Amino acid sequence: MSLNNLSSAIIGILLSLFILAMGPIVDCSDLAGSTMTLQCPDGAPVSFMWPVLSLIVAAIGIGNWLYKNRER
């Protein structure tokens, strides 16, 4: 396993963290006291779409890195 094209995995992970942080911003009406618990300050849950989409993006980035570094 080589570290060539590691930027694909890093970009995928960073983009997935950004998407995960966007969930409360989009779903909650008030962000005062908001944390990364996937719950709005008023107790309403954040949609499960955000963690699933985040996981898919991270998997695509890591999969892209693994694909580019596969043994030929």
Protein backbone atom coordinates (compact mmCIF):
# COMPACT_ATOMS: atom_id res chain seq x y z
CA MET A 1 0.00 0.00 0.00
CA SER A 2 1.45 3.28 -1.01
CA LEU A 3 0.65 6.79 0.05
CA ASN A 4 0.27 7.95 -3.56
CA ASN A 5 -2.97 9.82 -4.15
CA LEU A 6 -3.58 10.04 -0.40
CA SER A 7 -5.17 13.40 -1.07
CA SER A 8 -8.26 11.58 -2.40
CA ALA A 9 -8.82 9.95 0.98
CA ILE A 10 -8.04 13.13 2.91
CA ILE A 11 -10.38 15.24 0.78
CA GLY A 12 -13.10 12.60 1.13
CA ILE A 13 -12.80 12.55 4.92
CA LEU A 14 -12.68 16.34 5.24
CA LEU A 15 -15.66 16.73 2.93
CA SER A 16 -17.59 14.15 4.94
CA LEU A 17 -16.89 16.04 8.18
CA PHE A 18 -18.09 19.23 6.50
CA ILE A 19 -21.30 17.50 5.40
CA LEU A 20 -21.81 16.16 8.92
CA ALA A 21 -21.42 19.68 10.33
CA MET A 22 -23.89 21.06 7.78
CA GLY A 23 -26.72 18.89 9.14
CA PRO A 24 -27.57 21.00 12.21
CA ILE A 25 -27.09 24.21 10.21
CA VAL A 26 -29.69 23.17 7.65
CA ASP A 27 -32.15 21.29 9.88
CA CYS A 28 -32.20 23.47 13.03
CA SER A 29 -33.89 26.83 13.16
CA ASP A 30 -31.74 28.07 16.07
CA LEU A 31 -28.06 27.11 16.47
CA ALA A 32 -27.51 28.66 19.91
CA GLY A 33 -26.02 25.91 22.03
CA SER A 34 -25.82 23.48 19.13
CA THR A 35 -23.32 20.63 19.41
CA MET A 36 -22.29 17.74 17.19
CA THR A 37 -24.80 15.37 18.80
CA LEU A 38 -27.12 15.34 15.76
CA GLN A 39 -29.77 17.02 17.84
CA CYS A 40 -31.03 20.58 17.67
CA PRO A 41 -30.94 22.71 20.84
CA ASP A 42 -34.73 22.42 21.13
CA GLY A 43 -34.47 18.59 21.24
CA ALA A 44 -35.54 17.87 17.67
CA PRO A 45 -33.36 15.25 16.00
CA VAL A 46 -31.33 16.05 12.91
CA SER A 47 -32.20 14.02 9.83
CA PHE A 48 -30.32 10.71 9.42
CA MET A 49 -29.55 11.78 5.86
CA TRP A 50 -26.53 13.77 7.07
CA PRO A 51 -24.52 10.98 8.75
CA VAL A 52 -25.38 8.54 5.95
CA LEU A 53 -24.31 11.01 3.27
CA SER A 54 -21.17 11.77 5.25
CA LEU A 55 -20.29 8.08 5.48
CA ILE A 56 -20.88 7.58 1.76
CA VAL A 57 -18.62 10.51 0.85
CA ALA A 58 -15.84 9.27 3.16
CA ALA A 59 -16.15 5.76 1.71
CA ILE A 60 -15.93 7.10 -1.83
CA GLY A 61 -12.77 9.08 -0.99
CA ILE A 62 -11.08 6.14 0.71
CA GLY A 63 -12.29 3.75 -2.00
CA ASN A 64 -10.88 6.04 -4.66
CA TRP A 65 -7.51 6.03 -2.90
CA LEU A 66 -7.55 2.24 -2.59
CA TYR A 67 -8.56 1.85 -6.24
CA LYS A 68 -5.78 4.12 -7.48
CA ASN A 69 -3.21 2.19 -5.39
CA ARG A 70 -4.34 -1.33 -6.20
CA GLU A 71 -1.75 -3.90 -7.21
CA ARG A 72 -1.59 -4.45 -10.93
